[in-house]
Amino acid sequence: MALTYLLIDVFIIAVPLVLTFDKRIVYYRQIPAVAFSIGVVSTCYVIWDVIVTARGEWSFNSKYLTGMHLLNLPLEEMLFFITVPYSCLFIYEAVSYATKDRVGKIPTPVVITAIAMLLAASVAVRDQGYTSKALASCSLFFAVACWLDRPLLNSKQYWVWLAICYVPFLLINSVLTALPVVEYNPAAIFGVRVFTIPIEDFFYNYAMLSFYLLFYRMRRKPTSAVPLRRRREHD
């Protein structure tokens, strides 16, 4: 159906959009920070998308598209880089409201080792375009996080948020890759899949969502909402 990908975009954003003005989460107060994050990160990922599509590393099945394009990408793909961060950052605010953050400690040598290993793996599989770039993007995120927001990596809420975000990721990506709406060049990936999802998508998704959160936190306003757990303890 030609509206399939567009309907997926609507499905992604529907609930967060409806709850934007919820008085407990007060997500509407963070719209400038959301816009900043989308503006910075989505621009980078759209450029990535334009390049890899032009190189033939992946493509889009016209059977499930409206036929409207921008920068040689389906309109639905462009909307994806708005609906996904909007919804996932809403989930972060919900997690922040529902839980009390605890700061752990991931030793810096561990992070540096992860950066080096991901980068080395990216170079080792450089002939597999998508695999290489997905691994490199994770390495880059860890490096940028260490530079700009080291506490993020130590935050319990960050890891809880990621775990929650992977639930809709599995659902939506399973649909996108099973139909398939998105088709991958076998030469650009390992060929290992979880259900119908290429393993590379898990690295791509991790880096993309983490970058959105990192830049969101740069402009995020402190919230006066009392975390749900703290309210229960008080009661």
C-alpha atoms as a PDB file:
ATOM      1  CA  MET A   1       0.000   0.000   0.000  1.00  0.00           C
ATOM      2  CA  ALA A   2       1.377   3.398  -1.007  1.00  0.00           C
ATOM      3  CA  LEU A   3       0.613   4.940   2.384  1.00  0.00           C
ATOM      4  CA  THR A   4       2.387   2.262   4.442  1.00  0.00           C
ATOM      5  CA  TYR A   5       5.544   4.184   5.353  1.00  0.00           C
ATOM      6  CA  LEU A   6       3.576   7.385   5.939  1.00  0.00           C
ATOM      7  CA  LEU A   7       1.226   5.547   8.300  1.00  0.00           C
ATOM      8  CA  ILE A   8       4.240   4.155  10.154  1.00  0.00           C
ATOM      9  CA  ASP A   9       5.485   7.730  10.662  1.00  0.00           C
ATOM     10  CA  VAL A  10       2.071   8.724  12.014  1.00  0.00           C
ATOM     11  CA  PHE A  11       2.020   5.696  14.302  1.00  0.00           C
ATOM     12  CA  ILE A  12       5.453   6.601  15.701  1.00  0.00           C
ATOM     13  CA  ILE A  13       4.515  10.125  16.726  1.00  0.00           C
ATOM     14  CA  ALA A  14       0.805   9.776  17.525  1.00  0.00           C
ATOM     15  CA  VAL A  15       0.907   9.137  21.289  1.00  0.00           C
ATOM     16  CA  PRO A  16       3.769  11.563  22.148  1.00  0.00           C
ATOM     17  CA  LEU A  17       2.049  14.244  20.069  1.00  0.00           C
ATOM     18  CA  VAL A  18      -1.226  13.782  21.929  1.00  0.00           C
ATOM     19  CA  LEU A  19       0.567  13.850  25.298  1.00  0.00           C
ATOM     20  CA  THR A  20       2.817  16.819  24.519  1.00  0.00           C
ATOM     21  CA  PHE A  21       0.766  19.064  26.832  1.00  0.00           C
ATOM     22  CA  ASP A  22       0.378  16.510  29.614  1.00  0.00           C
ATOM     23  CA  LYS A  23       0.814  18.438  32.870  1.00  0.00           C
ATOM     24  CA  ARG A  24       2.924  15.743  34.491  1.00  0.00           C
ATOM     25  CA  ILE A  25       5.605  15.431  31.829  1.00  0.00           C
ATOM     26  CA  VAL A  26       5.265  19.005  30.463  1.00  0.00           C
ATOM     27  CA  TYR A  27       6.999  18.020  27.241  1.00  0.00           C
ATOM     28  CA  TYR A  28       5.822  21.199  25.538  1.00  0.00           C
ATOM     29  CA  ARG A  29       8.335  23.162  27.598  1.00  0.00           C
ATOM     30  CA  GLN A  30      11.122  21.251  25.885  1.00  0.00           C
ATOM     31  CA  ILE A  31      10.055  21.903  22.283  1.00  0.00           C
ATOM     32  CA  PRO A  32      12.949  24.354  21.644  1.00  0.00           C
ATOM     33  CA  ALA A  33      15.411  21.703  22.845  1.00  0.00           C
ATOM     34  CA  VAL A  34      13.680  19.057  20.712  1.00  0.00           C
ATOM     35  CA  ALA A  35      13.885  21.341  17.673  1.00  0.00           C
ATOM     36  CA  PHE A  36      17.573  22.023  18.327  1.00  0.00           C
ATOM     37  CA  SER A  37      18.375  18.322  18.578  1.00  0.00           C
ATOM     38  CA  ILE A  38      16.403  17.458  15.456  1.00  0.00           C
ATOM     39  CA  GLY A  39      17.974  20.341  13.565  1.00  0.00           C
ATOM     40  CA  VAL A  40      21.537  19.253  14.357  1.00  0.00           C
ATOM     41  CA  VAL A  41      21.312  15.464  14.356  1.00  0.00           C
ATOM     42  CA  SER A  42      18.696  14.937  11.664  1.00  0.00           C
ATOM     43  CA  THR A  43      20.659  17.140   9.285  1.00  0.00           C
ATOM     44  CA  CYS A  44      23.660  14.842   9.697  1.00  0.00           C
ATOM     45  CA  TYR A  45      21.606  11.689   9.267  1.00  0.00           C
ATOM     46  CA  VAL A  46      19.768  13.021   6.234  1.00  0.00           C
ATOM     47  CA  ILE A  47      23.155  13.692   4.626  1.00  0.00           C
ATOM     48  CA  TRP A  48      24.183  10.128   5.527  1.00  0.00           C
ATOM     49  CA  ASP A  49      20.920   8.847   4.029  1.00  0.00           C
ATOM     50  CA  VAL A  50      21.384  10.794   0.809  1.00  0.00           C
ATOM     51  CA  ILE A  51      24.920   9.439   0.396  1.00  0.00           C
ATOM     52  CA  VAL A  52      24.187   5.780   1.144  1.00  0.00           C
ATOM     53  CA  THR A  53      21.069   5.819  -1.026  1.00  0.00           C
ATOM     54  CA  ALA A  54      23.073   7.286  -3.898  1.00  0.00           C
ATOM     55  CA  ARG A  55      25.740   4.603  -3.352  1.00  0.00           C
ATOM     56  CA  GLY A  56      23.111   1.891  -3.424  1.00  0.00           C
ATOM     57  CA  GLU A  57      23.752   0.602   0.094  1.00  0.00           C
ATOM     58  CA  TRP A  58      20.023   0.670   0.714  1.00  0.00           C
ATOM     59  CA  SER A  59      16.932   1.660  -1.217  1.00  0.00           C
ATOM     60  CA  PHE A  60      13.213   2.190  -0.710  1.00  0.00           C
ATOM     61  CA  ASN A  61      10.433   0.076  -2.145  1.00  0.00           C
ATOM     62  CA  SER A  62       8.154   2.373  -4.159  1.00  0.00           C
ATOM     63  CA  LYS A  63       5.252   0.003  -3.503  1.00  0.00           C
ATOM     64  CA  TYR A  64       4.966   1.389   0.038  1.00  0.00           C
ATOM     65  CA  LEU A  65       5.654   5.077  -0.695  1.00  0.00           C
ATOM     66  CA  THR A  66       3.493   8.005  -1.726  1.00  0.00           C
ATOM     67  CA  GLY A  67       5.975   8.910  -4.458  1.00  0.00           C
ATOM     68  CA  MET A  68       6.882  12.343  -3.045  1.00  0.00           C
ATOM     69  CA  HIS A  69      10.635  12.971  -2.720  1.00  0.00           C
ATOM     70  CA  LEU A  70      12.957  15.566  -1.232  1.00  0.00           C
ATOM     71  CA  LEU A  71      16.732  15.522  -1.788  1.00  0.00           C
ATOM     72  CA  ASN A  72      16.144  12.291  -3.688  1.00  0.00           C
ATOM     73  CA  LEU A  73      14.767  10.665  -0.515  1.00  0.00           C
ATOM     74  CA  PRO A  74      11.160   9.628   0.035  1.00  0.00           C
ATOM     75  CA  LEU A  75       9.177  12.220   1.964  1.00  0.00           C
ATOM     76  CA  GLU A  76       8.374   9.488   4.497  1.00  0.00           C
ATOM     77  CA  GLU A  77      12.068   8.959   5.177  1.00  0.00           C
ATOM     78  CA  MET A  78      12.519  12.670   5.850  1.00  0.00           C
ATOM     79  CA  LEU A  79       9.562  12.589   8.247  1.00  0.00           C
ATOM     80  CA  PHE A  80      11.152   9.594   9.977  1.00  0.00           C
ATOM     81  CA  PHE A  81      13.957  11.886  11.164  1.00  0.00           C
ATOM     82  CA  ILE A  82      11.353  14.070  12.857  1.00  0.00           C
ATOM     83  CA  THR A  83       8.883  11.557  14.250  1.00  0.00           C
ATOM     84  CA  VAL A  84      11.499   9.231  15.760  1.00  0.00           C
ATOM     85  CA  PRO A  85      13.436  11.825  17.787  1.00  0.00           C
ATOM     86  CA  TYR A  86      10.257  13.628  18.833  1.00  0.00           C
ATOM     87  CA  SER A  87       8.835  10.399  20.203  1.00  0.00           C
ATOM     88  CA  CYS A  88      12.032   9.032  21.725  1.00  0.00           C
ATOM     89  CA  LEU A  89      12.822  12.285  23.511  1.00  0.00           C
ATOM     90  CA  PHE A  90       9.283  12.211  24.868  1.00  0.00           C
ATOM     91  CA  ILE A  91      10.067   8.755  26.244  1.00  0.00           C
ATOM     92  CA  TYR A  92      13.159  10.227  27.919  1.00  0.00           C
ATOM     93  CA  GLU A  93      11.007  12.816  29.673  1.00  0.00           C
ATOM     94  CA  ALA A  94       8.592  10.084  30.736  1.00  0.00           C
ATOM     95  CA  VAL A  95      11.495   8.036  32.136  1.00  0.00           C
ATOM     96  CA  SER A  96      12.804  11.128  33.946  1.00  0.00           C
ATOM     97  CA  TYR A  97       9.370  11.690  35.456  1.00  0.00           C
ATOM     98  CA  ALA A  98       8.835   8.072  36.492  1.00  0.00           C
ATOM     99  CA  THR A  99      12.282   7.267  37.871  1.00  0.00           C
ATOM    100  CA  LYS A 100      14.940   8.780  40.049  1.00  0.00           C
ATOM    101  CA  ASP A 101      18.270   8.949  38.283  1.00  0.00           C
ATOM    102  CA  ARG A 102      21.264   7.179  39.712  1.00  0.00           C
ATOM    103  CA  VAL A 103      24.762   7.937  38.530  1.00  0.00           C
ATOM    104  CA  GLY A 104      27.031   4.954  38.128  1.00  0.00           C
ATOM    105  CA  LYS A 105      30.576   4.972  36.915  1.00  0.00           C
ATOM    106  CA  ILE A 106      31.790   3.583  33.627  1.00  0.00           C
ATOM    107  CA  PRO A 107      35.591   3.849  33.833  1.00  0.00           C
ATOM    108  CA  THR A 108      37.111   6.067  31.172  1.00  0.00           C
ATOM    109  CA  PRO A 109      39.515   3.301  30.013  1.00  0.00           C
ATOM    110  CA  VAL A 110      36.471   1.126  29.258  1.00  0.00           C
ATOM    111  CA  VAL A 111      34.939   3.869  27.117  1.00  0.00           C
ATOM    112  CA  ILE A 112      38.229   4.517  25.330  1.00  0.00           C
ATOM    113  CA  THR A 113      38.609   0.797  24.651  1.00  0.00           C
ATOM    114  CA  ALA A 114      35.077   0.678  23.220  1.00  0.00           C
ATOM    115  CA  ILE A 115      35.856   3.650  20.969  1.00  0.00           C
ATOM    116  CA  ALA A 116      39.042   1.999  19.694  1.00  0.00           C
ATOM    117  CA  MET A 117      37.440  -1.418  19.147  1.00  0.00           C
ATOM    118  CA  LEU A 118      34.444  -0.011  17.278  1.00  0.00           C
ATOM    119  CA  LEU A 119      36.697   2.137  15.116  1.00  0.00           C
ATOM    120  CA  ALA A 120      39.025  -0.785  14.400  1.00  0.00           C
ATOM    121  CA  ALA A 121      36.056  -2.992  13.490  1.00  0.00           C
ATOM    122  CA  SER A 122      34.743  -0.247  11.220  1.00  0.00           C
ATOM    123  CA  VAL A 123      38.050  -0.103   9.359  1.00  0.00           C
ATOM    124  CA  ALA A 124      38.257  -3.899   9.163  1.00  0.00           C
ATOM    125  CA  VAL A 125      34.891  -4.131   7.372  1.00  0.00           C
ATOM    126  CA  ARG A 126      35.305  -0.950   5.330  1.00  0.00           C
ATOM    127  CA  ASP A 127      34.245  -2.792   2.171  1.00  0.00           C
ATOM    128  CA  GLN A 128      30.811  -3.322   3.741  1.00  0.00           C
ATOM    129  CA  GLY A 129      29.583   0.236   3.562  1.00  0.00           C
ATOM    130  CA  TYR A 130      26.649   0.148   5.969  1.00  0.00           C
ATOM    131  CA  THR A 131      28.382  -2.095   8.509  1.00  0.00           C
ATOM    132  CA  SER A 132      31.442   0.123   8.564  1.00  0.00           C
ATOM    133  CA  LYS A 133      29.529   3.378   8.968  1.00  0.00           C
ATOM    134  CA  ALA A 134      27.200   1.971  11.638  1.00  0.00           C
ATOM    135  CA  LEU A 135      30.165   0.856  13.769  1.00  0.00           C
ATOM    136  CA  ALA A 136      31.985   4.136  13.196  1.00  0.00           C
ATOM    137  CA  SER A 137      28.914   6.122  14.248  1.00  0.00           C
ATOM    138  CA  CYS A 138      28.877   4.329  17.619  1.00  0.00           C
ATOM    139  CA  SER A 139      32.580   5.018  18.078  1.00  0.00           C
ATOM    140  CA  LEU A 140      31.983   8.663  17.233  1.00  0.00           C
ATOM    141  CA  PHE A 141      29.122   8.926  19.704  1.00  0.00           C
ATOM    142  CA  PHE A 142      31.211   7.621  22.590  1.00  0.00           C
ATOM    143  CA  ALA A 143      33.979  10.071  21.704  1.00  0.00           C
ATOM    144  CA  VAL A 144      31.624  13.046  21.452  1.00  0.00           C
ATOM    145  CA  ALA A 145      29.811  12.043  24.656  1.00  0.00           C
ATOM    146  CA  CYS A 146      33.111  11.916  26.536  1.00  0.00           C
ATOM    147  CA  TRP A 147      33.859  15.404  25.280  1.00  0.00           C
ATOM    148  CA  LEU A 148      30.483  17.108  25.631  1.00  0.00           C
ATOM    149  CA  ASP A 149      28.409  15.132  28.151  1.00  0.00           C
ATOM    150  CA  ARG A 150      30.364  12.537  30.105  1.00  0.00           C
ATOM    151  CA  PRO A 151      27.640  12.227  32.801  1.00  0.00           C
ATOM    152  CA  LEU A 152      25.240  10.925  30.153  1.00  0.00           C
ATOM    153  CA  LEU A 153      27.100   7.621  29.883  1.00  0.00           C
ATOM    154  CA  ASN A 154      26.935   7.178  33.660  1.00  0.00           C
ATOM    155  CA  SER A 155      23.233   7.931  33.922  1.00  0.00           C
ATOM    156  CA  LYS A 156      20.889   5.078  34.829  1.00  0.00           C
ATOM    157  CA  GLN A 157      18.028   6.895  33.099  1.00  0.00           C
ATOM    158  CA  TYR A 158      19.981   6.950  29.842  1.00  0.00           C
ATOM    159  CA  TRP A 159      20.350   3.167  29.767  1.00  0.00           C
ATOM    160  CA  VAL A 160      16.761   2.576  30.902  1.00  0.00           C
ATOM    161  CA  TRP A 161      15.587   4.956  28.183  1.00  0.00           C
ATOM    162  CA  LEU A 162      17.604   3.112  25.537  1.00  0.00           C
ATOM    163  CA  ALA A 163      16.205  -0.237  26.628  1.00  0.00           C
ATOM    164  CA  ILE A 164      12.658   1.095  26.353  1.00  0.00           C
ATOM    165  CA  CYS A 165      13.339   2.693  22.954  1.00  0.00           C
ATOM    166  CA  TYR A 166      14.505  -0.632  21.568  1.00  0.00           C
ATOM    167  CA  VAL A 167      11.004  -2.066  22.058  1.00  0.00           C
ATOM    168  CA  PRO A 168       9.338   0.160  19.425  1.00  0.00           C
ATOM    169  CA  PHE A 169      12.538  -0.102  17.369  1.00  0.00           C
ATOM    170  CA  LEU A 170      12.102  -3.869  17.136  1.00  0.00           C
ATOM    171  CA  LEU A 171       8.441  -3.503  16.236  1.00  0.00           C
ATOM    172  CA  ILE A 172       8.798  -0.766  13.630  1.00  0.00           C
ATOM    173  CA  ASN A 173      12.020  -2.001  12.043  1.00  0.00           C
ATOM    174  CA  SER A 174      10.573  -5.486  11.793  1.00  0.00           C
ATOM    175  CA  VAL A 175       7.743  -4.058   9.697  1.00  0.00           C
ATOM    176  CA  LEU A 176      10.074  -1.892   7.598  1.00  0.00           C
ATOM    177  CA  THR A 177      12.410  -4.787   6.843  1.00  0.00           C
ATOM    178  CA  ALA A 178       9.837  -7.568   6.547  1.00  0.00           C
ATOM    179  CA  LEU A 179       7.637  -6.008   3.853  1.00  0.00           C
ATOM    180  CA  PRO A 180      10.268  -4.664   2.972  1.00  0.00           C
ATOM    181  CA  VAL A 181       9.935  -0.886   2.858  1.00  0.00           C
ATOM    182  CA  VAL A 182      13.724  -0.562   3.140  1.00  0.00           C
ATOM    183  CA  GLU A 183      15.904  -2.909   1.093  1.00  0.00           C
ATOM    184  CA  TYR A 184      19.599  -3.458   1.810  1.00  0.00           C
ATOM    185  CA  ASN A 185      22.370  -4.171  -0.648  1.00  0.00           C
ATOM    186  CA  PRO A 186      23.803  -7.575   0.407  1.00  0.00           C
ATOM    187  CA  ALA A 187      27.326  -6.294  -0.322  1.00  0.00           C
ATOM    188  CA  ALA A 188      26.902  -3.473   2.235  1.00  0.00           C
ATOM    189  CA  ILE A 189      25.942  -5.627   5.231  1.00  0.00           C
ATOM    190  CA  PHE A 190      27.041  -8.787   7.017  1.00  0.00           C
ATOM    191  CA  GLY A 191      23.778 -10.524   6.301  1.00  0.00           C
ATOM    192  CA  VAL A 192      23.186 -11.423   9.948  1.00  0.00           C
ATOM    193  CA  ARG A 193      19.638 -10.523  10.963  1.00  0.00           C
ATOM    194  CA  VAL A 194      17.607 -10.452  14.169  1.00  0.00           C
ATOM    195  CA  PHE A 195      14.202 -11.516  12.939  1.00  0.00           C
ATOM    196  CA  THR A 196      14.215  -9.503   9.692  1.00  0.00           C
ATOM    197  CA  ILE A 197      16.399  -6.649  10.981  1.00  0.00           C
ATOM    198  CA  PRO A 198      20.036  -6.425   9.816  1.00  0.00           C
ATOM    199  CA  ILE A 199      22.401  -6.440  12.798  1.00  0.00           C
ATOM    200  CA  GLU A 200      23.807  -3.114  11.565  1.00  0.00           C
ATOM    201  CA  ASP A 201      20.504  -1.410  12.357  1.00  0.00           C
ATOM    202  CA  PHE A 202      21.070  -2.000  16.073  1.00  0.00           C
ATOM    203  CA  PHE A 203      24.340  -0.041  15.970  1.00  0.00           C
ATOM    204  CA  TYR A 204      22.849   2.627  13.717  1.00  0.00           C
ATOM    205  CA  ASN A 205      19.868   3.034  16.029  1.00  0.00           C
ATOM    206  CA  TYR A 206      22.027   3.193  19.154  1.00  0.00           C
ATOM    207  CA  ALA A 207      24.212   5.979  17.813  1.00  0.00           C
ATOM    208  CA  MET A 208      21.357   7.945  16.259  1.00  0.00           C
ATOM    209  CA  LEU A 209      19.129   7.943  19.343  1.00  0.00           C
ATOM    210  CA  SER A 210      22.077   8.689  21.628  1.00  0.00           C
ATOM    211  CA  PHE A 211      23.118  11.656  19.523  1.00  0.00           C
ATOM    212  CA  TYR A 212      19.570  12.999  19.634  1.00  0.00           C
ATOM    213  CA  LEU A 213      19.567  12.764  23.422  1.00  0.00           C
ATOM    214  CA  LEU A 214      23.038  14.255  23.793  1.00  0.00           C
ATOM    215  CA  PHE A 215      22.131  17.394  21.847  1.00  0.00           C
ATOM    216  CA  TYR A 216      18.709  17.546  23.467  1.00  0.00           C
ATOM    217  CA  ARG A 217      20.312  17.669  26.913  1.00  0.00           C
ATOM    218  CA  MET A 218      22.363  20.681  25.833  1.00  0.00           C
ATOM    219  CA  ARG A 219      19.201  22.803  25.578  1.00  0.00           C
ATOM    220  CA  ARG A 220      16.822  20.916  27.870  1.00  0.00           C
ATOM    221  CA  LYS A 221      15.144  23.080  30.490  1.00  0.00           C
ATOM    222  CA  PRO A 222      15.178  21.903  34.101  1.00  0.00           C
ATOM    223  CA  THR A 223      11.756  20.536  34.914  1.00  0.00           C
ATOM    224  CA  SER A 224       9.827  21.281  38.071  1.00  0.00           C
ATOM    225  CA  ALA A 225       7.836  18.061  37.766  1.00  0.00           C
ATOM    226  CA  VAL A 226       8.302  15.784  40.777  1.00  0.00           C
ATOM    227  CA  PRO A 227       9.370  12.274  39.739  1.00  0.00           C
ATOM    228  CA  LEU A 228       6.583   9.741  40.231  1.00  0.00           C
ATOM    229  CA  ARG A 229       8.681   7.537  42.494  1.00  0.00           C
ATOM    230  CA  ARG A 230       9.580  10.470  44.742  1.00  0.00           C
ATOM    231  CA  ARG A 231       5.921  11.469  45.028  1.00  0.00           C
ATOM    232  CA  ARG A 232       4.996   7.932  46.052  1.00  0.00           C
ATOM    233  CA  GLU A 233       7.722   7.888  48.674  1.00  0.00           C
ATOM    234  CA  HIS A 234       6.533  11.231  49.979  1.00  0.00           C
ATOM    235  CA  ASP A 235       2.928  10.018  50.137  1.00  0.00           C
END
